[in-house]
Amino acid sequence: MNINCEMLDLRAFLSVVDLQGFHRAAEALNLSQSALSRRIQKLEAAVGMPLLERTTRNVALTAIGSELIPLIRRMLEEFDSSLFAVRELGRQSGALVTIACIPTAAFYFLPKVIKEFAKVYPNIRFRILDLTAVDGLQAVARGEVEFGINIMHGSDPALEFSHLADDPFVLATLKDHPLARRKKVEWGDLSDYPLITVHRSSGNRTLLDTALAQHNVSLHWTYEVTHLSTSLGLVEQGLGISVLPRLATPSGDHPFLVTRPLGTPEISRPIGVIRRRNTRLSPAAGRFLEMLLGTWADGGEPGA
């Protein structure tokens, strides 16, 4: 059910309550008393019951009016705060948002959100540091960026991690590879083919090796690379197969490559936002983070 009322109706109601009368409230709002009365009547009609008890000498709250007071105050405070932030953001034509982001998210997901953000705030500039998970954590901790998108929680108590989504590890292979004919591939099947993996210093490799070790599974690799994109290049050349996060794989129908889910254990890396605790973001960064979180919550991540 939609309730048809305006912000000024709510402000009129609070003014009458705070100033204890229609006369003083009308003067404060620069309204005639009749106009103020119509505002209150409109709000009461929207709620469906009286909010004020009127006498010749004073005005008192009804029971429902008393219940609504804290809710209305909070609504108006949040509205005013948001409006102020937007106004300040609009004035900051040279505002800069600096983010540390793992390369896969920086390449496949972040540009889409920035594109939507730029439609609303075209004058905001971005500095994106596409860093490894470890370097990204350190950049946030040192205050070099306002926040980061990362796969690692870290142990620094000064940092907080807000989970966004789980990014599963998948098999990437050529379309004509024998494993491509399967709907799901088991880890044991990988040992029959040359395997391409990222270096053990990578956060992805650390997470993968730790999870596999818990199930007594080990990977026997033929090629070891530093970047996930390099592993895909080797796969395209037919040099082997690769295990990598789904977010690192091409979206849509690739002309040469396909991905397949991997069986037990099913392993995912957590994607989340890293921030310094008790630190206020700039208006521009705060607005962008709101859009970023909203996009993930709506299922906007690639591959969803």
C-alpha atoms as a PDB file:
ATOM      1  CA  MET A   1       0.000   0.000   0.000  1.00  0.00           C
ATOM      2  CA  ASN A   2       1.337   3.425  -0.951  1.00  0.00           C
ATOM      3  CA  ILE A   3       0.957   6.286   1.528  1.00  0.00           C
ATOM      4  CA  ASN A   4       0.545   9.604  -0.243  1.00  0.00           C
ATOM      5  CA  CYS A   5       2.301  12.284   1.773  1.00  0.00           C
ATOM      6  CA  GLU A   6       5.076  14.801   1.244  1.00  0.00           C
ATOM      7  CA  MET A   7       8.196  15.662   3.199  1.00  0.00           C
ATOM      8  CA  LEU A   8       6.652  19.005   4.101  1.00  0.00           C
ATOM      9  CA  ASP A   9       3.699  17.184   5.636  1.00  0.00           C
ATOM     10  CA  LEU A  10       6.082  15.315   7.922  1.00  0.00           C
ATOM     11  CA  ARG A  11       8.027  18.469   8.770  1.00  0.00           C
ATOM     12  CA  ALA A  12       4.753  20.272   9.531  1.00  0.00           C
ATOM     13  CA  PHE A  13       3.734  17.515  11.923  1.00  0.00           C
ATOM     14  CA  LEU A  14       7.084  17.621  13.756  1.00  0.00           C
ATOM     15  CA  SER A  15       6.991  21.415  13.975  1.00  0.00           C
ATOM     16  CA  VAL A  16       3.567  21.392  15.587  1.00  0.00           C
ATOM     17  CA  VAL A  17       4.763  18.815  18.115  1.00  0.00           C
ATOM     18  CA  ASP A  18       8.128  20.468  18.839  1.00  0.00           C
ATOM     19  CA  LEU A  19       6.751  24.002  19.032  1.00  0.00           C
ATOM     20  CA  GLN A  20       3.624  22.878  20.877  1.00  0.00           C
ATOM     21  CA  GLY A  21       1.093  24.627  18.706  1.00  0.00           C
ATOM     22  CA  PHE A  22      -0.055  25.542  15.235  1.00  0.00           C
ATOM     23  CA  HIS A  23       0.642  29.272  15.523  1.00  0.00           C
ATOM     24  CA  ARG A  24       4.361  28.989  16.289  1.00  0.00           C
ATOM     25  CA  ALA A  25       4.786  26.121  13.821  1.00  0.00           C
ATOM     26  CA  ALA A  26       3.126  28.103  11.035  1.00  0.00           C
ATOM     27  CA  GLU A  27       5.447  31.039  11.650  1.00  0.00           C
ATOM     28  CA  ALA A  28       8.528  28.767  11.677  1.00  0.00           C
ATOM     29  CA  LEU A  29       7.515  27.127   8.386  1.00  0.00           C
ATOM     30  CA  ASN A  30       6.370  30.420   6.819  1.00  0.00           C
ATOM     31  CA  LEU A  31       2.890  28.997   6.236  1.00  0.00           C
ATOM     32  CA  SER A  32      -0.567  30.260   7.077  1.00  0.00           C
ATOM     33  CA  GLN A  33      -2.291  28.343   9.867  1.00  0.00           C
ATOM     34  CA  SER A  34      -4.904  27.113   7.422  1.00  0.00           C
ATOM     35  CA  ALA A  35      -2.197  25.777   5.086  1.00  0.00           C
ATOM     36  CA  LEU A  36      -0.489  24.103   8.035  1.00  0.00           C
ATOM     37  CA  SER A  37      -3.776  22.527   9.131  1.00  0.00           C
ATOM     38  CA  ARG A  38      -4.283  21.136   5.626  1.00  0.00           C
ATOM     39  CA  ARG A  39      -0.815  19.578   5.780  1.00  0.00           C
ATOM     40  CA  ILE A  40      -1.628  17.840   9.051  1.00  0.00           C
ATOM     41  CA  GLN A  41      -5.029  16.715   7.784  1.00  0.00           C
ATOM     42  CA  LYS A  42      -3.425  15.300   4.643  1.00  0.00           C
ATOM     43  CA  LEU A  43      -0.904  13.322   6.724  1.00  0.00           C
ATOM     44  CA  GLU A  44      -3.635  12.019   9.020  1.00  0.00           C
ATOM     45  CA  ALA A  45      -5.692  10.972   6.004  1.00  0.00           C
ATOM     46  CA  ALA A  46      -2.694   9.104   4.605  1.00  0.00           C
ATOM     47  CA  VAL A  47      -2.110   7.312   7.925  1.00  0.00           C
ATOM     48  CA  GLY A  48      -5.798   6.661   8.366  1.00  0.00           C
ATOM     49  CA  MET A  49      -6.227   7.987  11.897  1.00  0.00           C
ATOM     50  CA  PRO A  50      -5.696  11.160  13.955  1.00  0.00           C
ATOM     51  CA  LEU A  51      -2.160  12.025  15.029  1.00  0.00           C
ATOM     52  CA  LEU A  52      -2.953  15.074  17.139  1.00  0.00           C
ATOM     53  CA  GLU A  53      -5.612  15.912  19.708  1.00  0.00           C
ATOM     54  CA  ARG A  54      -6.551  19.578  19.352  1.00  0.00           C
ATOM     55  CA  THR A  55      -8.035  21.724  22.098  1.00  0.00           C
ATOM     56  CA  THR A  56      -8.541  25.462  22.332  1.00  0.00           C
ATOM     57  CA  ARG A  57      -5.328  25.842  24.368  1.00  0.00           C
ATOM     58  CA  ASN A  58      -2.872  23.167  23.321  1.00  0.00           C
ATOM     59  CA  VAL A  59      -2.091  20.255  21.032  1.00  0.00           C
ATOM     60  CA  ALA A  60      -1.326  16.718  22.242  1.00  0.00           C
ATOM     61  CA  LEU A  61      -0.196  13.577  20.473  1.00  0.00           C
ATOM     62  CA  THR A  62      -2.512  10.624  20.033  1.00  0.00           C
ATOM     63  CA  ALA A  63      -1.138   7.134  20.746  1.00  0.00           C
ATOM     64  CA  ILE A  64      -0.365   6.497  17.072  1.00  0.00           C
ATOM     65  CA  GLY A  65       1.161   9.963  16.787  1.00  0.00           C
ATOM     66  CA  SER A  66       3.552   9.165  19.634  1.00  0.00           C
ATOM     67  CA  GLU A  67       4.582   5.925  17.915  1.00  0.00           C
ATOM     68  CA  LEU A  68       5.269   7.698  14.621  1.00  0.00           C
ATOM     69  CA  ILE A  69       7.405  10.516  16.055  1.00  0.00           C
ATOM     70  CA  PRO A  70      10.741   8.592  16.283  1.00  0.00           C
ATOM     71  CA  LEU A  71      10.188   7.008  12.865  1.00  0.00           C
ATOM     72  CA  ILE A  72       9.476  10.347  11.210  1.00  0.00           C
ATOM     73  CA  ARG A  73      12.490  11.977  12.875  1.00  0.00           C
ATOM     74  CA  ARG A  74      14.761   9.221  11.612  1.00  0.00           C
ATOM     75  CA  MET A  75      13.310   9.388   8.095  1.00  0.00           C
ATOM     76  CA  LEU A  76      13.848  13.131   7.876  1.00  0.00           C
ATOM     77  CA  GLU A  77      17.351  12.936   9.328  1.00  0.00           C
ATOM     78  CA  GLU A  78      18.348  10.280   6.804  1.00  0.00           C
ATOM     79  CA  PHE A  79      16.778  12.231   3.961  1.00  0.00           C
ATOM     80  CA  ASP A  80      18.536  15.456   4.959  1.00  0.00           C
ATOM     81  CA  SER A  81      21.877  13.651   5.336  1.00  0.00           C
ATOM     82  CA  SER A  82      21.533  12.022   1.919  1.00  0.00           C
ATOM     83  CA  LEU A  83      20.491  15.270   0.284  1.00  0.00           C
ATOM     84  CA  PHE A  84      23.456  17.077   1.833  1.00  0.00           C
ATOM     85  CA  ALA A  85      25.857  14.378   0.647  1.00  0.00           C
ATOM     86  CA  VAL A  86      24.503  14.545  -2.900  1.00  0.00           C
ATOM     87  CA  ARG A  87      24.747  18.340  -2.924  1.00  0.00           C
ATOM     88  CA  GLU A  88      28.330  18.216  -1.691  1.00  0.00           C
ATOM     89  CA  LEU A  89      29.145  15.519  -4.223  1.00  0.00           C
ATOM     90  CA  GLY A  90      27.773  17.633  -7.036  1.00  0.00           C
ATOM     91  CA  ARG A  91      30.028  20.512  -6.025  1.00  0.00           C
ATOM     92  CA  GLN A  92      33.123  18.337  -6.059  1.00  0.00           C
ATOM     93  CA  SER A  93      33.692  18.354  -9.808  1.00  0.00           C
ATOM     94  CA  GLY A  94      37.316  17.359  -9.259  1.00  0.00           C
ATOM     95  CA  ALA A  95      36.636  14.711  -6.608  1.00  0.00           C
ATOM     96  CA  LEU A  96      38.814  11.610  -6.817  1.00  0.00           C
ATOM     97  CA  VAL A  97      37.899   8.069  -5.767  1.00  0.00           C
ATOM     98  CA  THR A  98      40.895   5.787  -5.236  1.00  0.00           C
ATOM     99  CA  ILE A  99      40.334   2.022  -5.034  1.00  0.00           C
ATOM    100  CA  ALA A 100      42.570  -1.022  -4.673  1.00  0.00           C
ATOM    101  CA  CYS A 101      41.088  -3.912  -6.612  1.00  0.00           C
ATOM    102  CA  ILE A 102      42.137  -7.449  -7.474  1.00  0.00           C
ATOM    103  CA  PRO A 103      42.832  -7.545 -11.243  1.00  0.00           C
ATOM    104  CA  THR A 104      40.002  -9.933 -12.150  1.00  0.00           C
ATOM    105  CA  ALA A 105      37.338  -7.718 -10.570  1.00  0.00           C
ATOM    106  CA  ALA A 106      39.043  -4.605 -11.969  1.00  0.00           C
ATOM    107  CA  PHE A 107      38.829  -6.009 -15.494  1.00  0.00           C
ATOM    108  CA  TYR A 108      35.531  -7.867 -15.615  1.00  0.00           C
ATOM    109  CA  PHE A 109      33.238  -6.152 -13.126  1.00  0.00           C
ATOM    110  CA  LEU A 110      34.377  -2.761 -11.867  1.00  0.00           C
ATOM    111  CA  PRO A 111      34.162  -0.907 -15.236  1.00  0.00           C
ATOM    112  CA  LYS A 112      30.452  -1.723 -15.489  1.00  0.00           C
ATOM    113  CA  VAL A 113      29.722  -0.115 -12.136  1.00  0.00           C
ATOM    114  CA  ILE A 114      31.899   2.908 -12.896  1.00  0.00           C
ATOM    115  CA  LYS A 115      30.048   3.382 -16.187  1.00  0.00           C
ATOM    116  CA  GLU A 116      26.705   3.527 -14.377  1.00  0.00           C
ATOM    117  CA  PHE A 117      28.127   5.822 -11.693  1.00  0.00           C
ATOM    118  CA  ALA A 118      29.490   8.209 -14.337  1.00  0.00           C
ATOM    119  CA  LYS A 119      25.994   8.654 -15.784  1.00  0.00           C
ATOM    120  CA  VAL A 120      24.913  10.200 -12.471  1.00  0.00           C
ATOM    121  CA  TYR A 121      28.199  11.856 -11.444  1.00  0.00           C
ATOM    122  CA  PRO A 122      30.128  12.516 -14.680  1.00  0.00           C
ATOM    123  CA  ASN A 123      32.772  14.758 -13.091  1.00  0.00           C
ATOM    124  CA  ILE A 124      34.130  12.293 -10.533  1.00  0.00           C
ATOM    125  CA  ARG A 125      37.583  10.912 -11.308  1.00  0.00           C
ATOM    126  CA  PHE A 126      38.819   7.404 -10.462  1.00  0.00           C
ATOM    127  CA  ARG A 127      42.233   6.028  -9.639  1.00  0.00           C
ATOM    128  CA  ILE A 128      42.167   2.210  -9.709  1.00  0.00           C
ATOM    129  CA  LEU A 129      45.139   0.299  -8.332  1.00  0.00           C
ATOM    130  CA  ASP A 130      44.822  -3.216  -9.743  1.00  0.00           C
ATOM    131  CA  LEU A 131      46.885  -5.049  -7.153  1.00  0.00           C
ATOM    132  CA  THR A 132      47.348  -8.560  -5.850  1.00  0.00           C
ATOM    133  CA  ALA A 133      45.306  -9.537  -2.826  1.00  0.00           C
ATOM    134  CA  VAL A 134      48.216  -8.992  -0.426  1.00  0.00           C
ATOM    135  CA  ASP A 135      49.238  -5.654  -1.925  1.00  0.00           C
ATOM    136  CA  GLY A 136      45.613  -4.518  -1.973  1.00  0.00           C
ATOM    137  CA  LEU A 137      45.249  -5.214   1.750  1.00  0.00           C
ATOM    138  CA  GLN A 138      48.384  -3.233   2.470  1.00  0.00           C
ATOM    139  CA  ALA A 139      47.199  -0.303   0.341  1.00  0.00           C
ATOM    140  CA  VAL A 140      43.982  -0.086   2.350  1.00  0.00           C
ATOM    141  CA  ALA A 141      45.813  -0.443   5.671  1.00  0.00           C
ATOM    142  CA  ARG A 142      48.284   2.338   4.785  1.00  0.00           C
ATOM    143  CA  GLY A 143      45.475   4.661   3.712  1.00  0.00           C
ATOM    144  CA  GLU A 144      46.658   4.834   0.092  1.00  0.00           C
ATOM    145  CA  VAL A 145      43.119   4.052  -1.056  1.00  0.00           C
ATOM    146  CA  GLU A 146      39.685   4.631   0.455  1.00  0.00           C
ATOM    147  CA  PHE A 147      38.642   1.010   0.159  1.00  0.00           C
ATOM    148  CA  GLY A 148      39.516  -2.165  -1.694  1.00  0.00           C
ATOM    149  CA  ILE A 149      37.882  -5.111  -3.433  1.00  0.00           C
ATOM    150  CA  ASN A 150      39.688  -8.219  -2.314  1.00  0.00           C
ATOM    151  CA  ILE A 151      39.571 -11.968  -1.728  1.00  0.00           C
ATOM    152  CA  MET A 152      41.448 -11.835   1.579  1.00  0.00           C
ATOM    153  CA  HIS A 153      40.141 -10.884   5.008  1.00  0.00           C
ATOM    154  CA  GLY A 154      43.540 -10.248   6.520  1.00  0.00           C
ATOM    155  CA  SER A 155      44.357 -10.385  10.212  1.00  0.00           C
ATOM    156  CA  ASP A 156      44.710  -6.652  10.795  1.00  0.00           C
ATOM    157  CA  PRO A 157      42.106  -5.652  13.425  1.00  0.00           C
ATOM    158  CA  ALA A 158      42.078  -2.144  11.950  1.00  0.00           C
ATOM    159  CA  LEU A 159      40.472  -3.513   8.767  1.00  0.00           C
ATOM    160  CA  GLU A 160      36.959  -4.813   8.187  1.00  0.00           C
ATOM    161  CA  PHE A 161      35.760  -7.148   5.433  1.00  0.00           C
ATOM    162  CA  SER A 162      32.217  -6.932   4.018  1.00  0.00           C
ATOM    163  CA  HIS A 163      31.333 -10.050   2.050  1.00  0.00           C
ATOM    164  CA  LEU A 164      29.883  -9.513  -1.418  1.00  0.00           C
ATOM    165  CA  ALA A 165      29.807 -12.903  -3.124  1.00  0.00           C
ATOM    166  CA  ASP A 166      31.558 -16.248  -3.537  1.00  0.00           C
ATOM    167  CA  ASP A 167      33.546 -16.756  -6.726  1.00  0.00           C
ATOM    168  CA  PRO A 168      33.914 -20.505  -7.471  1.00  0.00           C
ATOM    169  CA  PHE A 169      37.023 -22.059  -9.005  1.00  0.00           C
ATOM    170  CA  VAL A 170      36.276 -23.650 -12.381  1.00  0.00           C
ATOM    171  CA  LEU A 171      38.110 -25.535 -15.115  1.00  0.00           C
ATOM    172  CA  ALA A 172      38.996 -23.591 -18.274  1.00  0.00           C
ATOM    173  CA  THR A 173      39.773 -25.581 -21.396  1.00  0.00           C
ATOM    174  CA  LEU A 174      39.439 -25.569 -25.179  1.00  0.00           C
ATOM    175  CA  LYS A 175      36.030 -26.434 -26.571  1.00  0.00           C
ATOM    176  CA  ASP A 176      37.367 -29.558 -28.283  1.00  0.00           C
ATOM    177  CA  HIS A 177      39.152 -30.893 -25.187  1.00  0.00           C
ATOM    178  CA  PRO A 178      37.909 -34.263 -23.823  1.00  0.00           C
ATOM    179  CA  LEU A 179      37.007 -32.686 -20.454  1.00  0.00           C
ATOM    180  CA  ALA A 180      34.840 -30.085 -22.209  1.00  0.00           C
ATOM    181  CA  ARG A 181      32.307 -32.825 -22.985  1.00  0.00           C
ATOM    182  CA  ARG A 182      31.576 -33.311 -19.274  1.00  0.00           C
ATOM    183  CA  LYS A 183      29.049 -31.318 -17.268  1.00  0.00           C
ATOM    184  CA  LYS A 184      31.250 -31.507 -14.168  1.00  0.00           C
ATOM    185  CA  VAL A 185      34.913 -32.420 -13.790  1.00  0.00           C
ATOM    186  CA  GLU A 186      36.467 -34.136 -10.772  1.00  0.00           C
ATOM    187  CA  TRP A 187      39.801 -32.987  -9.382  1.00  0.00           C
ATOM    188  CA  GLY A 188      41.329 -36.398 -10.028  1.00  0.00           C
ATOM    189  CA  ASP A 189      40.620 -36.046 -13.760  1.00  0.00           C
ATOM    190  CA  LEU A 190      43.027 -33.111 -14.025  1.00  0.00           C
ATOM    191  CA  SER A 191      46.133 -35.250 -13.511  1.00  0.00           C
ATOM    192  CA  ASP A 192      45.799 -36.758 -17.001  1.00  0.00           C
ATOM    193  CA  TYR A 193      46.482 -33.432 -18.720  1.00  0.00           C
ATOM    194  CA  PRO A 194      49.084 -30.635 -18.549  1.00  0.00           C
ATOM    195  CA  LEU A 195      47.862 -28.218 -15.878  1.00  0.00           C
ATOM    196  CA  ILE A 196      48.438 -24.460 -15.868  1.00  0.00           C
ATOM    197  CA  THR A 197      48.303 -22.741 -12.491  1.00  0.00           C
ATOM    198  CA  VAL A 198      49.226 -19.411 -10.930  1.00  0.00           C
ATOM    199  CA  HIS A 199      52.339 -19.000  -8.797  1.00  0.00           C
ATOM    200  CA  ARG A 200      52.195 -20.157  -5.178  1.00  0.00           C
ATOM    201  CA  SER A 201      52.744 -16.550  -4.018  1.00  0.00           C
ATOM    202  CA  SER A 202      49.303 -15.668  -5.406  1.00  0.00           C
ATOM    203  CA  GLY A 203      46.403 -15.272  -2.998  1.00  0.00           C
ATOM    204  CA  ASN A 204      44.299 -17.444  -5.314  1.00  0.00           C
ATOM    205  CA  ARG A 205      46.858 -20.241  -5.232  1.00  0.00           C
ATOM    206  CA  THR A 206      47.197 -20.046  -1.444  1.00  0.00           C
ATOM    207  CA  LEU A 207      43.436 -20.276  -1.015  1.00  0.00           C
ATOM    208  CA  LEU A 208      43.169 -23.156  -3.501  1.00  0.00           C
ATOM    209  CA  ASP A 209      46.064 -25.197  -2.074  1.00  0.00           C
ATOM    210  CA  THR A 210      44.785 -24.781   1.481  1.00  0.00           C
ATOM    211  CA  ALA A 211      41.282 -25.930   0.590  1.00  0.00           C
ATOM    212  CA  LEU A 212      42.539 -28.919  -1.425  1.00  0.00           C
ATOM    213  CA  ALA A 213      44.955 -29.978   1.312  1.00  0.00           C
ATOM    214  CA  GLN A 214      42.030 -30.313   3.709  1.00  0.00           C
ATOM    215  CA  HIS A 215      40.648 -32.968   1.347  1.00  0.00           C
ATOM    216  CA  ASN A 216      44.015 -34.630   0.641  1.00  0.00           C
ATOM    217  CA  VAL A 217      44.019 -33.399  -2.954  1.00  0.00           C
ATOM    218  CA  SER A 218      47.130 -31.937  -4.608  1.00  0.00           C
ATOM    219  CA  LEU A 219      47.662 -30.339  -8.019  1.00  0.00           C
ATOM    220  CA  HIS A 220      50.472 -31.518 -10.296  1.00  0.00           C
ATOM    221  CA  TRP A 221      51.147 -28.593 -12.598  1.00  0.00           C
ATOM    222  CA  THR A 222      53.154 -28.317 -15.809  1.00  0.00           C
ATOM    223  CA  TYR A 223      53.071 -24.548 -16.245  1.00  0.00           C
ATOM    224  CA  GLU A 224      53.124 -21.947 -13.481  1.00  0.00           C
ATOM    225  CA  VAL A 225      52.370 -18.285 -14.249  1.00  0.00           C
ATOM    226  CA  THR A 226      52.012 -15.035 -12.338  1.00  0.00           C
ATOM    227  CA  HIS A 227      48.775 -13.712 -13.832  1.00  0.00           C
ATOM    228  CA  LEU A 228      45.469 -15.467 -14.419  1.00  0.00           C
ATOM    229  CA  SER A 229      45.193 -13.876 -17.865  1.00  0.00           C
ATOM    230  CA  THR A 230      48.466 -15.558 -18.872  1.00  0.00           C
ATOM    231  CA  SER A 231      47.052 -18.956 -17.962  1.00  0.00           C
ATOM    232  CA  LEU A 232      44.121 -18.351 -20.298  1.00  0.00           C
ATOM    233  CA  GLY A 233      46.527 -17.439 -23.099  1.00  0.00           C
ATOM    234  CA  LEU A 234      48.327 -20.761 -22.662  1.00  0.00           C
ATOM    235  CA  VAL A 235      45.017 -22.618 -22.652  1.00  0.00           C
ATOM    236  CA  GLU A 236      44.027 -20.917 -25.922  1.00  0.00           C
ATOM    237  CA  GLN A 237      47.250 -22.213 -27.481  1.00  0.00           C
ATOM    238  CA  GLY A 238      46.363 -25.757 -26.497  1.00  0.00           C
ATOM    239  CA  LEU A 239      49.188 -26.119 -23.991  1.00  0.00           C
ATOM    240  CA  GLY A 240      46.968 -27.415 -21.208  1.00  0.00           C
ATOM    241  CA  ILE A 241      43.987 -26.826 -18.943  1.00  0.00           C
ATOM    242  CA  SER A 242      43.689 -24.326 -16.114  1.00  0.00           C
ATOM    243  CA  VAL A 243      41.898 -23.997 -12.776  1.00  0.00           C
ATOM    244  CA  LEU A 244      40.959 -20.409 -12.012  1.00  0.00           C
ATOM    245  CA  PRO A 245      38.144 -18.326 -10.466  1.00  0.00           C
ATOM    246  CA  ARG A 246      35.023 -17.959 -12.577  1.00  0.00           C
ATOM    247  CA  LEU A 247      35.351 -14.172 -12.414  1.00  0.00           C
ATOM    248  CA  ALA A 248      38.683 -14.483 -14.238  1.00  0.00           C
ATOM    249  CA  THR A 249      37.134 -16.326 -17.182  1.00  0.00           C
ATOM    250  CA  PRO A 250      35.674 -14.566 -20.235  1.00  0.00           C
ATOM    251  CA  SER A 251      31.973 -13.796 -19.953  1.00  0.00           C
ATOM    252  CA  GLY A 252      29.585 -14.836 -22.685  1.00  0.00           C
ATOM    253  CA  ASP A 253      30.297 -17.275 -25.515  1.00  0.00           C
ATOM    254  CA  HIS A 254      34.067 -17.403 -26.093  1.00  0.00           C
ATOM    255  CA  PRO A 255      35.164 -18.607 -29.568  1.00  0.00           C
ATOM    256  CA  PHE A 256      37.729 -21.098 -28.174  1.00  0.00           C
ATOM    257  CA  LEU A 257      37.271 -21.591 -24.425  1.00  0.00           C
ATOM    258  CA  VAL A 258      34.668 -23.154 -22.158  1.00  0.00           C
ATOM    259  CA  THR A 259      34.468 -23.507 -18.386  1.00  0.00           C
ATOM    260  CA  ARG A 260      33.244 -26.465 -16.377  1.00  0.00           C
ATOM    261  CA  PRO A 261      32.400 -26.711 -12.673  1.00  0.00           C
ATOM    262  CA  LEU A 262      34.726 -28.769 -10.501  1.00  0.00           C
ATOM    263  CA  GLY A 263      33.438 -31.489  -8.209  1.00  0.00           C
ATOM    264  CA  THR A 264      34.096 -32.267  -4.563  1.00  0.00           C
ATOM    265  CA  PRO A 265      35.509 -30.313  -2.948  1.00  0.00           C
ATOM    266  CA  GLU A 266      33.720 -27.311  -4.452  1.00  0.00           C
ATOM    267  CA  ILE A 267      36.003 -24.370  -3.707  1.00  0.00           C
ATOM    268  CA  SER A 268      35.160 -20.667  -3.904  1.00  0.00           C
ATOM    269  CA  ARG A 269      37.030 -17.518  -3.015  1.00  0.00           C
ATOM    270  CA  PRO A 270      35.148 -14.842  -1.058  1.00  0.00           C
ATOM    271  CA  ILE A 271      34.941 -11.452  -2.791  1.00  0.00           C
ATOM    272  CA  GLY A 272      34.415  -8.496  -0.498  1.00  0.00           C
ATOM    273  CA  VAL A 273      35.088  -4.870   0.345  1.00  0.00           C
ATOM    274  CA  ILE A 274      38.026  -4.051   2.620  1.00  0.00           C
ATOM    275  CA  ARG A 275      37.830  -0.828   4.638  1.00  0.00           C
ATOM    276  CA  ARG A 276      39.628   0.749   7.558  1.00  0.00           C
ATOM    277  CA  ARG A 277      37.473   0.623  10.662  1.00  0.00           C
ATOM    278  CA  ASN A 278      36.006   3.847  12.028  1.00  0.00           C
ATOM    279  CA  THR A 279      37.082   5.794   8.948  1.00  0.00           C
ATOM    280  CA  ARG A 280      34.620   7.993   7.083  1.00  0.00           C
ATOM    281  CA  LEU A 281      34.687   7.802   3.299  1.00  0.00           C
ATOM    282  CA  SER A 282      34.615  10.904   1.152  1.00  0.00           C
ATOM    283  CA  PRO A 283      31.137  11.721  -0.259  1.00  0.00           C
ATOM    284  CA  ALA A 284      32.200  10.542  -3.726  1.00  0.00           C
ATOM    285  CA  ALA A 285      33.663   7.256  -2.473  1.00  0.00           C
ATOM    286  CA  GLY A 286      30.675   6.683  -0.208  1.00  0.00           C
ATOM    287  CA  ARG A 287      28.230   7.120  -3.061  1.00  0.00           C
ATOM    288  CA  PHE A 288      30.227   4.838  -5.328  1.00  0.00           C
ATOM    289  CA  LEU A 289      30.467   2.151  -2.651  1.00  0.00           C
ATOM    290  CA  GLU A 290      26.687   2.290  -2.206  1.00  0.00           C
ATOM    291  CA  MET A 291      26.219   1.674  -5.930  1.00  0.00           C
ATOM    292  CA  LEU A 292      28.840  -1.078  -5.918  1.00  0.00           C
ATOM    293  CA  LEU A 293      27.189  -2.917  -3.034  1.00  0.00           C
ATOM    294  CA  GLY A 294      23.768  -2.462  -4.601  1.00  0.00           C
ATOM    295  CA  THR A 295      24.934  -3.929  -7.904  1.00  0.00           C
ATOM    296  CA  TRP A 296      26.354  -7.025  -6.228  1.00  0.00           C
ATOM    297  CA  ALA A 297      23.222  -7.408  -4.107  1.00  0.00           C
ATOM    298  CA  ASP A 298      21.079  -7.290  -7.245  1.00  0.00           C
ATOM    299  CA  GLY A 299      23.075 -10.115  -8.817  1.00  0.00           C
ATOM    300  CA  GLY A 300      25.100  -7.843 -11.072  1.00  0.00           C
ATOM    301  CA  GLU A 301      28.347  -9.762 -10.701  1.00  0.00           C
ATOM    302  CA  PRO A 302      29.594 -11.425 -13.888  1.00  0.00           C
ATOM    303  CA  GLY A 303      28.515 -14.977 -14.311  1.00  0.00           C
ATOM    304  CA  ALA A 304      25.552 -14.637 -11.971  1.00  0.00           C
END
